Amino acid sequence: MEESLDFEFEDPIISSPVVTNKRKKVIGLDELLADFYNEKIKNVEKESKRAKAPKKCIFDEEQDAREASLSKLIIEMSAEEDSSLWGIQLFQGQKSPPPLVTPPESCSLLQSFMNNDLNSLVEISSKSGDPFIEGLLVNGWLLKVVLTCGHVEESIATWTFNLMLYSSKEGLRASACQFWSAILEPREEPIKIDWFPNYSDLRKALEVYGFLFLPDMGDSNAHSSYGRPAQNIRFWIKFVTISCEVRCKWSVCSTSEAEELTGIIISFFVDRQLQGLSVLLYECMEAVISYFTDKEWKASCEKIAKSIARRVPKDLNCTRIVESISGVDDRSKHLRSAVAYQILLGCFDYKAVDDEVLRLLIAINLKEKKCDIFKMYIYLVLTENWLLSTKLLEDKPVLKEMWRLYLRNCSCLISSTDFRSFASKVRDKASFLLQGDTKMQHT
């Protein structure tokens, strides 16, 4: 019974041997001397290795210098591309807006509202200090009365129009714009409007906003002073969109005025301060383009393209202008191609047309150090939009072959080690377009 059981032998605590205390080893003099000499030998070996590696240090220094110069080149190249960003300041200084004349109390519409039993139900805040008519507009009662009567008097029309374009209060601007949107909506019984604004009223508003009607958008002296577009420009754009969509009933401008208006809307795309309104601008541009009749469009498209080409500078702003005309309908494609073509002609001082332009582009030696690759990028973007936005390549096989040769030059003659500004962009874009053209051939 006193003997250990089987499972007790398996217990590691019981089966582990007892640890005995080890005696400390006494270090002798010989061992201390051996450690001293070993450490001294190690130090000598380190010094000898350092003495044998001067060439490697020189090599490392040269490699560091090359990497530093390469990094500097890349930084300079990036800075040069960043300095070529698009953007033109189109607004210089705002002027004093015209006075906002409130409709008189004798206005028949107001009289009909005052005599109506529903007048007691209108909630007008007396704390805000807004006039009575402004409260009717903001609360939507003015629109309801107009829709019921089917008539907008001149005093109401001019007052709401001026509020929309010149008021400093966001609530009044938005309510006035909503008012005009509602009364211009197509309906079975159209609303009678005693006064409708014309193009001179829209142009006058741009003058008040400080818009620069200049023949050259690249004039640096004209854009030296700081300026911001008025907040009302948003509702100006909305009204242009609405009014262009109802040309069958209300003609806001003539054909020549519509051509100028189209150029103004397109020029808005190069003002970086209006980037937040891009969606509104796209809708407005489509409405303005559709304003022309089929008979007017062909001649007007060419006039618009020539006007824009004379004004826009030959830098990234011209590519921004062309690519902003991004509609997929036939008119948008036609205008995009025409604008790109006219700008491209201007790049060569109008001394070449059609296939002659491509011959000049093909003749450019991309390997020369003096070759301006940035200009080549501009040419490539313009030529792409000129040829691919319409059916020119299908109608003219000669242009198609020259276009392919031009793309091969841009993709093959610029090496991957070419660090000139925009070199990689030209090479990559040309390769992409050439690959896409090859796929189209196989299909």
Protein backbone atom coordinates (compact mmCIF):
# COMPACT_ATOMS: atom_id res chain seq x y z
CA MET A 1 0.00 0.00 0.00
CA GLU A 2 2.95 2.34 0.59
CA GLU A 3 4.21 1.88 -2.98
CA SER A 4 3.35 4.52 -5.58
CA LEU A 5 0.47 3.84 -7.94
CA ASP A 6 0.89 3.70 -11.73
CA PHE A 7 -0.75 7.07 -12.45
CA GLU A 8 1.53 8.79 -9.95
CA PHE A 9 4.53 7.97 -12.11
CA GLU A 10 2.81 9.81 -14.99
CA ASP A 11 2.33 13.00 -12.99
CA PRO A 12 5.06 15.46 -14.18
CA ILE A 13 5.12 17.17 -10.81
CA ILE A 14 5.79 13.97 -8.97
CA SER A 15 8.00 12.38 -11.60
CA SER A 16 10.19 15.43 -12.22
CA PRO A 17 13.56 15.23 -10.57
CA VAL A 18 14.43 17.48 -7.72
CA VAL A 19 16.48 20.48 -8.83
CA THR A 20 19.68 20.67 -6.95
CA ASN A 21 21.45 23.97 -6.36
CA LYS A 22 24.38 24.45 -8.76
CA ARG A 23 27.62 25.71 -7.46
CA LYS A 24 28.81 28.98 -8.97
CA LYS A 25 31.80 28.60 -11.26
CA VAL A 26 34.89 30.49 -10.24
CA ILE A 27 36.42 32.43 -13.20
CA GLY A 28 40.13 32.17 -13.33
CA LEU A 29 42.80 34.61 -14.58
CA ASP A 30 43.46 32.59 -17.74
CA GLU A 31 39.79 32.84 -18.79
CA LEU A 32 39.75 36.62 -18.27
CA LEU A 33 42.84 37.03 -20.47
CA ALA A 34 41.28 34.82 -23.17
CA ASP A 35 38.11 36.96 -23.24
CA PHE A 36 40.19 40.14 -23.45
CA TYR A 37 42.21 38.95 -26.45
CA ASN A 38 39.10 37.60 -28.23
CA GLU A 39 37.40 41.00 -27.95
CA LYS A 40 40.53 42.73 -29.24
CA ILE A 41 40.67 40.38 -32.25
CA LYS A 42 37.05 41.21 -33.11
CA ASN A 43 37.80 44.93 -33.06
CA VAL A 44 40.77 44.48 -35.39
CA GLU A 45 38.66 42.46 -37.83
CA LYS A 46 36.02 45.23 -37.91
CA GLU A 47 38.65 47.88 -38.66
CA SER A 48 40.14 45.78 -41.45
CA LYS A 49 36.72 45.31 -43.06
CA ARG A 50 36.13 49.05 -43.00
CA ALA A 51 39.52 49.67 -44.57
CA LYS A 52 38.80 47.19 -47.37
CA ALA A 53 35.43 48.77 -48.38
CA PRO A 54 36.22 52.31 -49.74
CA LYS A 55 35.10 51.41 -53.27
CA LYS A 56 31.71 50.22 -52.04
CA CYS A 57 31.18 53.47 -50.16
CA ILE A 58 32.04 55.47 -53.25
CA PHE A 59 29.64 53.33 -55.27
CA ASP A 60 26.90 53.87 -52.69
CA GLU A 61 27.50 57.62 -52.76
CA GLU A 62 27.28 57.68 -56.57
CA GLN A 63 24.11 55.62 -56.50
CA ASP A 64 22.56 57.95 -53.91
CA ALA A 65 23.48 60.93 -56.08
CA ARG A 66 21.85 59.35 -59.14
CA GLU A 67 18.70 58.54 -57.18
CA ALA A 68 18.59 62.09 -55.81
CA SER A 69 18.92 63.60 -59.29
CA LEU A 70 16.24 61.24 -60.62
CA SER A 71 13.89 62.16 -57.78
CA LYS A 72 14.56 65.84 -58.45
CA LEU A 73 13.76 65.32 -62.14
CA ILE A 74 10.50 63.55 -61.33
CA ILE A 75 9.52 66.30 -58.86
CA GLU A 76 10.29 68.99 -61.43
CA MET A 77 8.32 67.09 -64.06
CA SER A 78 5.33 66.74 -61.73
CA ALA A 79 5.54 70.41 -60.77
CA GLU A 80 5.62 71.39 -64.44
CA GLU A 81 2.50 69.32 -65.13
CA ASP A 82 0.75 70.69 -62.04
CA SER A 83 1.53 74.26 -63.15
CA SER A 84 -0.33 73.56 -66.39
CA LEU A 85 -3.66 72.93 -64.70
CA TRP A 86 -6.75 74.27 -66.41
CA GLY A 87 -8.75 77.17 -65.05
CA ILE A 88 -9.73 80.70 -66.13
CA GLN A 89 -11.28 83.33 -63.90
CA LEU A 90 -14.29 84.62 -65.81
CA PHE A 91 -15.75 86.90 -63.12
CA GLN A 92 -13.94 90.03 -62.03
CA GLY A 93 -16.06 92.35 -59.90
CA GLN A 94 -19.77 92.49 -59.21
CA LYS A 95 -21.81 95.64 -59.86
CA SER A 96 -24.78 97.02 -57.96
CA PRO A 97 -27.96 95.14 -58.88
CA PRO A 98 -31.06 97.03 -60.05
CA PRO A 99 -33.65 97.94 -57.40
CA LEU A 100 -36.25 95.30 -56.59
CA VAL A 101 -39.65 96.92 -57.12
CA THR A 102 -42.40 95.21 -55.12
CA PRO A 103 -45.74 94.81 -56.94
CA PRO A 104 -48.26 97.48 -55.87
CA GLU A 105 -51.21 96.62 -53.67
CA SER A 106 -53.47 97.60 -56.55
CA CYS A 107 -52.27 94.51 -58.42
CA SER A 108 -55.38 92.55 -59.36
CA LEU A 109 -53.82 89.27 -58.29
CA LEU A 110 -53.16 90.58 -54.78
CA GLN A 111 -56.60 92.09 -54.61
CA SER A 112 -58.19 88.79 -55.57
CA PHE A 113 -56.17 87.06 -52.86
CA MET A 114 -57.07 89.61 -50.19
CA ASN A 115 -60.76 89.26 -50.99
CA ASN A 116 -60.55 85.46 -50.80
CA ASP A 117 -61.69 83.61 -47.69
CA LEU A 118 -58.43 81.60 -47.71
CA ASN A 119 -56.47 84.72 -46.80
CA SER A 120 -56.98 83.99 -43.10
CA LEU A 121 -55.27 80.62 -43.49
CA VAL A 122 -51.96 81.98 -44.83
CA GLU A 123 -49.19 81.77 -42.27
CA ILE A 124 -46.90 84.78 -42.56
CA SER A 125 -44.19 85.28 -39.95
CA SER A 126 -44.23 88.82 -38.68
CA LYS A 127 -40.96 88.28 -36.84
CA SER A 128 -38.95 87.92 -40.06
CA GLY A 129 -39.91 91.38 -41.21
CA ASP A 130 -40.54 90.21 -44.77
CA PRO A 131 -43.16 92.13 -46.75
CA PHE A 132 -46.54 90.54 -47.26
CA ILE A 133 -45.94 89.66 -50.93
CA GLU A 134 -42.61 87.99 -50.11
CA GLY A 135 -44.36 85.79 -47.55
CA LEU A 136 -46.88 84.75 -50.17
CA LEU A 137 -44.07 83.79 -52.54
CA VAL A 138 -42.06 81.79 -50.02
CA ASN A 139 -45.10 79.96 -48.64
CA GLY A 140 -46.24 79.03 -52.16
CA TRP A 141 -49.57 80.85 -51.99
CA LEU A 142 -48.63 83.25 -54.77
CA LEU A 143 -48.05 80.33 -57.14
CA LYS A 144 -51.35 78.70 -56.13
CA VAL A 145 -53.28 81.90 -56.87
CA VAL A 146 -51.52 82.26 -60.25
CA LEU A 147 -52.27 78.67 -61.22
CA THR A 148 -55.90 79.19 -60.21
CA CYS A 149 -56.28 82.46 -62.11
CA GLY A 150 -54.15 81.32 -65.07
CA HIS A 151 -52.61 84.80 -65.40
CA VAL A 152 -49.33 86.46 -64.38
CA GLU A 153 -49.35 90.25 -64.45
CA GLU A 154 -46.29 92.18 -65.58
CA SER A 155 -45.51 93.53 -62.11
CA ILE A 156 -45.51 90.00 -60.64
CA ALA A 157 -43.41 88.60 -63.50
CA THR A 158 -40.72 91.30 -63.38
CA TRP A 159 -40.59 91.23 -59.57
CA THR A 160 -40.12 87.46 -59.30
CA PHE A 161 -37.61 87.47 -62.16
CA ASN A 162 -35.47 90.15 -60.50
CA LEU A 163 -35.72 88.39 -57.15
CA MET A 164 -34.42 85.21 -58.75
CA LEU A 165 -31.40 86.94 -60.32
CA TYR A 166 -30.55 89.70 -57.83
CA SER A 167 -31.93 88.94 -54.37
CA SER A 168 -29.40 88.39 -51.58
CA LYS A 169 -31.76 86.01 -49.75
CA GLU A 170 -31.51 82.35 -50.65
CA GLY A 171 -35.14 81.65 -49.77
CA LEU A 172 -36.44 84.34 -52.11
CA ARG A 173 -34.12 83.28 -54.94
CA ALA A 174 -35.17 79.64 -54.69
CA SER A 175 -38.88 80.45 -54.37
CA ALA A 176 -38.80 82.80 -57.36
CA CYS A 177 -37.02 80.18 -59.48
CA GLN A 178 -39.57 77.56 -58.45
CA PHE A 179 -42.34 80.02 -59.36
CA TRP A 180 -41.00 80.46 -62.91
CA SER A 181 -40.39 76.73 -63.33
CA ALA A 182 -44.01 76.05 -62.43
CA ILE A 183 -45.62 78.67 -64.68
CA LEU A 184 -43.52 77.57 -67.67
CA GLU A 185 -44.37 73.89 -67.34
CA PRO A 186 -46.38 72.57 -70.31
CA ARG A 187 -50.07 72.15 -69.52
CA GLU A 188 -53.33 71.83 -71.40
CA GLU A 189 -54.35 75.42 -70.65
CA PRO A 190 -51.16 77.52 -70.70
CA ILE A 191 -50.82 80.37 -68.26
CA LYS A 192 -51.04 83.86 -69.71
CA ILE A 193 -47.82 85.80 -68.94
CA ASP A 194 -47.91 89.56 -69.57
CA TRP A 195 -44.11 89.92 -69.52
CA PHE A 196 -41.38 87.45 -70.48
CA PRO A 197 -37.63 88.20 -70.17
CA ASN A 198 -35.43 88.27 -73.26
CA TYR A 199 -31.72 87.74 -73.87
CA SER A 200 -30.80 91.34 -73.01
CA ASP A 201 -32.17 90.78 -69.50
CA LEU A 202 -30.04 87.64 -69.11
CA ARG A 203 -26.96 89.39 -70.48
CA LYS A 204 -27.50 92.35 -68.16
CA ALA A 205 -27.53 89.96 -65.20
CA LEU A 206 -24.14 88.55 -66.25
CA GLU A 207 -22.74 92.08 -66.42
CA VAL A 208 -23.94 92.70 -62.87
CA TYR A 209 -22.30 89.42 -61.78
CA GLY A 210 -18.98 90.67 -63.23
CA PHE A 211 -18.74 88.25 -66.16
CA LEU A 212 -15.93 89.19 -68.55
CA PHE A 213 -17.17 89.45 -72.13
CA LEU A 214 -13.65 89.32 -73.61
CA PRO A 215 -12.47 88.21 -77.04
CA ASP A 216 -9.63 86.28 -75.40
CA MET A 217 -10.25 84.17 -72.29
CA GLY A 218 -6.49 83.77 -71.89
CA ASP A 219 -5.77 87.47 -71.34
CA SER A 220 -3.75 87.45 -68.11
CA ASN A 221 -4.20 91.20 -67.51
CA ALA A 222 -7.96 90.90 -67.62
CA HIS A 223 -7.94 88.24 -64.90
CA SER A 224 -5.40 89.80 -62.55
CA SER A 225 -7.95 91.04 -60.00
CA TYR A 226 -9.81 88.65 -57.74
CA GLY A 227 -13.51 88.04 -58.31
CA ARG A 228 -16.19 85.50 -57.55
CA PRO A 229 -19.43 84.79 -59.37
CA ALA A 230 -22.59 85.86 -57.59
CA GLN A 231 -24.61 83.24 -55.72
CA ASN A 232 -27.50 84.02 -58.09
CA ILE A 233 -25.59 82.49 -61.03
CA ARG A 234 -27.03 79.12 -60.04
CA PHE A 235 -30.59 80.31 -60.64
CA TRP A 236 -29.50 82.17 -63.77
CA ILE A 237 -28.35 78.83 -65.19
CA LYS A 238 -31.59 77.14 -64.14
CA PHE A 239 -33.72 79.80 -65.80
CA VAL A 240 -31.74 79.57 -69.06
CA THR A 241 -32.35 75.82 -69.04
CA ILE A 242 -36.09 76.26 -68.45
CA SER A 243 -36.55 79.03 -70.99
CA CYS A 244 -34.67 77.14 -73.74
CA GLU A 245 -36.89 74.12 -73.25
CA VAL A 246 -40.07 76.13 -73.99
CA ARG A 247 -39.00 77.82 -77.21
CA CYS A 248 -42.18 76.65 -78.96
CA LYS A 249 -44.15 79.05 -76.72
CA TRP A 250 -41.61 81.64 -75.58
CA SER A 251 -38.59 82.71 -77.61
CA VAL A 252 -36.03 84.08 -75.17
CA CYS A 253 -33.40 84.98 -77.80
CA SER A 254 -32.70 85.11 -81.52
CA THR A 255 -30.43 82.69 -83.38
CA SER A 256 -27.36 84.92 -83.11
CA GLU A 257 -28.06 85.53 -79.42
CA ALA A 258 -28.45 81.78 -78.87
CA GLU A 259 -25.04 81.27 -80.46
CA GLU A 260 -23.45 83.73 -78.02
CA LEU A 261 -25.36 82.14 -75.14
CA THR A 262 -24.04 78.68 -76.08
CA GLY A 263 -20.47 79.98 -76.06
CA ILE A 264 -21.00 81.56 -72.64
CA ILE A 265 -22.40 78.36 -71.12
CA ILE A 266 -19.49 76.30 -72.51
CA SER A 267 -16.96 78.85 -71.23
CA PHE A 268 -18.34 78.39 -67.70
CA PHE A 269 -16.73 74.94 -67.63
CA VAL A 270 -13.21 76.44 -67.44
CA ASP A 271 -13.95 78.54 -64.35
CA ARG A 272 -12.97 76.38 -61.39
CA GLN A 273 -15.25 78.40 -59.12
CA LEU A 274 -18.26 76.91 -60.95
CA GLN A 275 -17.22 73.26 -60.58
CA GLY A 276 -19.93 72.69 -58.01
CA LEU A 277 -22.53 73.54 -60.66
CA SER A 278 -21.30 71.00 -63.23
CA VAL A 279 -24.56 69.03 -63.30
CA LEU A 280 -26.62 72.20 -63.84
CA LEU A 281 -24.20 73.34 -66.55
CA TYR A 282 -24.47 70.04 -68.44
CA GLU A 283 -28.27 70.24 -68.38
CA CYS A 284 -28.18 73.88 -69.46
CA MET A 285 -25.76 73.17 -72.31
CA GLU A 286 -27.99 70.39 -73.64
CA ALA A 287 -31.01 72.68 -73.48
CA VAL A 288 -29.21 75.51 -75.29
CA ILE A 289 -27.95 73.17 -78.02
CA SER A 290 -31.46 71.84 -78.56
CA TYR A 291 -32.80 75.43 -78.78
CA PHE A 292 -31.76 75.69 -82.45
CA THR A 293 -33.94 74.40 -85.24
CA ASP A 294 -32.57 71.80 -87.64
CA LYS A 295 -32.18 74.45 -90.34
CA GLU A 296 -30.23 76.75 -88.01
CA TRP A 297 -27.97 74.17 -86.41
CA LYS A 298 -25.38 73.45 -89.11
CA ALA A 299 -24.40 77.09 -89.67
CA SER A 300 -24.73 77.99 -85.99
CA CYS A 301 -22.54 75.07 -84.89
CA GLU A 302 -19.67 76.31 -87.07
CA LYS A 303 -20.06 79.89 -85.79
CA ILE A 304 -20.06 78.72 -82.17
CA ALA A 305 -16.95 76.58 -82.74
CA LYS A 306 -15.04 79.45 -84.38
CA SER A 307 -16.03 81.88 -81.63
CA ILE A 308 -14.83 79.52 -78.89
CA ALA A 309 -11.59 78.70 -80.74
CA ARG A 310 -10.69 82.38 -81.01
CA ARG A 311 -11.18 82.96 -77.29
CA VAL A 312 -9.81 79.89 -75.52
CA PRO A 313 -6.03 79.64 -74.91
CA LYS A 314 -4.12 76.73 -76.44
CA ASP A 315 -3.40 74.93 -73.18
CA LEU A 316 -5.29 72.47 -70.97
CA ASN A 317 -8.22 74.87 -70.97
CA CYS A 318 -8.97 74.07 -74.60
CA THR A 319 -9.04 70.34 -73.82
CA ARG A 320 -11.33 71.08 -70.88
CA ILE A 321 -13.65 73.03 -73.18
CA VAL A 322 -13.79 70.24 -75.76
CA GLU A 323 -14.30 67.41 -73.28
CA SER A 324 -17.00 69.34 -71.41
CA ILE A 325 -19.23 68.94 -74.48
CA SER A 326 -19.81 65.34 -73.46
CA GLY A 327 -23.32 64.68 -74.73
CA VAL A 328 -23.98 61.52 -76.73
CA ASP A 329 -26.60 63.00 -79.04
CA ASP A 330 -25.73 63.94 -82.61
CA ARG A 331 -25.65 67.68 -82.00
CA SER A 332 -23.29 67.41 -79.03
CA LYS A 333 -20.94 65.17 -81.00
CA HIS A 334 -21.08 67.53 -83.96
CA LEU A 335 -20.28 70.55 -81.78
CA ARG A 336 -17.48 68.72 -79.93
CA SER A 337 -15.85 67.73 -83.22
CA ALA A 338 -16.24 71.23 -84.69
CA VAL A 339 -14.78 72.98 -81.61
CA ALA A 340 -11.81 70.59 -81.48
CA TYR A 341 -11.15 71.06 -85.20
CA GLN A 342 -11.26 74.86 -85.04
CA ILE A 343 -8.91 74.96 -82.03
CA LEU A 344 -6.56 72.56 -83.84
CA LEU A 345 -6.54 74.83 -86.88
CA GLY A 346 -5.69 77.75 -84.62
CA CYS A 347 -2.72 75.82 -83.22
CA PHE A 348 -1.25 75.83 -86.76
CA ASP A 349 -2.29 79.45 -87.49
CA TYR A 350 -5.02 78.26 -89.87
CA LYS A 351 -2.38 77.34 -92.49
CA ALA A 352 -3.55 73.72 -92.84
CA VAL A 353 -6.93 71.99 -93.13
CA ASP A 354 -8.22 68.40 -92.95
CA ASP A 355 -5.51 65.87 -93.91
CA GLU A 356 -2.85 68.61 -94.01
CA VAL A 357 -3.20 68.93 -90.23
CA LEU A 358 -2.50 65.22 -89.79
CA ARG A 359 0.50 65.45 -92.12
CA LEU A 360 1.97 68.17 -89.93
CA LEU A 361 1.36 66.09 -86.81
CA ILE A 362 2.96 62.99 -88.33
CA ALA A 363 6.01 65.00 -89.41
CA ILE A 364 6.82 66.04 -85.82
CA ASN A 365 9.91 64.23 -84.52
CA LEU A 366 9.00 63.10 -81.03
CA LYS A 367 12.54 61.94 -80.26
CA GLU A 368 14.02 65.43 -80.47
CA LYS A 369 14.71 67.03 -77.14
CA LYS A 370 13.31 70.32 -78.39
CA CYS A 371 9.96 68.69 -79.15
CA ASP A 372 7.25 70.17 -76.93
CA ILE A 373 5.53 67.06 -75.58
CA PHE A 374 2.95 69.17 -73.77
CA LYS A 375 1.77 70.57 -77.12
CA MET A 376 1.72 67.04 -78.50
CA TYR A 377 -0.65 66.07 -75.70
CA ILE A 378 -2.92 68.99 -76.61
CA TYR A 379 -2.80 68.01 -80.29
CA LEU A 380 -3.60 64.38 -79.47
CA VAL A 381 -6.67 65.24 -77.38
CA LEU A 382 -7.97 67.70 -79.98
CA THR A 383 -7.40 65.31 -82.89
CA GLU A 384 -9.10 62.48 -81.01
CA ASN A 385 -12.24 64.56 -80.42
CA TRP A 386 -12.18 65.94 -83.95
CA LEU A 387 -12.05 62.55 -85.66
CA LEU A 388 -13.80 60.19 -83.25
CA SER A 389 -16.79 62.36 -82.36
CA THR A 390 -18.22 62.02 -85.87
CA LYS A 391 -18.04 59.57 -88.78
CA LEU A 392 -15.12 61.29 -90.49
CA LEU A 393 -12.89 58.21 -90.34
CA GLU A 394 -15.59 56.09 -91.97
CA ASP A 395 -16.22 58.60 -94.72
CA LYS A 396 -12.54 59.34 -95.43
CA PRO A 397 -10.25 56.26 -95.38
CA VAL A 398 -7.19 58.48 -95.95
CA LEU A 399 -7.78 60.24 -92.65
CA LYS A 400 -8.16 56.86 -90.96
CA GLU A 401 -4.75 55.61 -92.14
CA MET A 402 -3.06 58.88 -91.20
CA TRP A 403 -4.71 58.77 -87.78
CA ARG A 404 -3.31 55.27 -87.15
CA LEU A 405 0.17 56.35 -88.23
CA TYR A 406 0.01 59.33 -85.91
CA LEU A 407 -1.02 57.08 -82.99
CA ARG A 408 1.84 54.65 -83.74
CA ASN A 409 4.32 57.52 -83.69
CA CYS A 410 3.06 58.76 -80.34
CA SER A 411 3.05 55.29 -78.77
CA CYS A 412 6.30 53.91 -80.21
CA LEU A 413 8.65 56.88 -80.57
CA ILE A 414 8.31 57.89 -76.91
CA SER A 415 10.21 55.43 -74.72
CA SER A 416 9.26 54.41 -71.21
CA THR A 417 12.44 56.12 -69.91
CA ASP A 418 11.43 59.47 -71.37
CA PHE A 419 10.81 61.73 -68.38
CA ARG A 420 9.79 64.82 -70.30
CA SER A 421 6.61 66.48 -69.10
CA PHE A 422 3.47 64.73 -70.39
CA ALA A 423 5.55 62.09 -72.24
CA SER A 424 3.92 59.18 -70.42
CA LYS A 425 0.45 60.68 -70.93
CA VAL A 426 0.96 60.98 -74.68
CA ARG A 427 2.40 57.46 -74.95
CA ASP A 428 -0.30 55.82 -72.82
CA LYS A 429 -3.19 57.67 -74.45
CA ALA A 430 -1.96 56.89 -77.95
CA SER A 431 -1.44 53.22 -77.08
CA PHE A 432 -4.95 53.02 -75.64
CA LEU A 433 -6.51 54.61 -78.72
CA LEU A 434 -4.46 52.44 -81.05
CA GLN A 435 -5.49 49.29 -79.17
CA GLY A 436 -9.13 50.34 -79.34
CA ASP A 437 -8.87 50.98 -83.07
CA THR A 438 -7.30 47.53 -83.59
CA LYS A 439 -10.16 45.86 -81.71
CA MET A 440 -12.68 47.70 -83.87
CA GLN A 441 -10.97 46.35 -86.98
CA HIS A 442 -11.15 42.75 -85.78
CA THR A 443 -14.82 43.05 -84.86
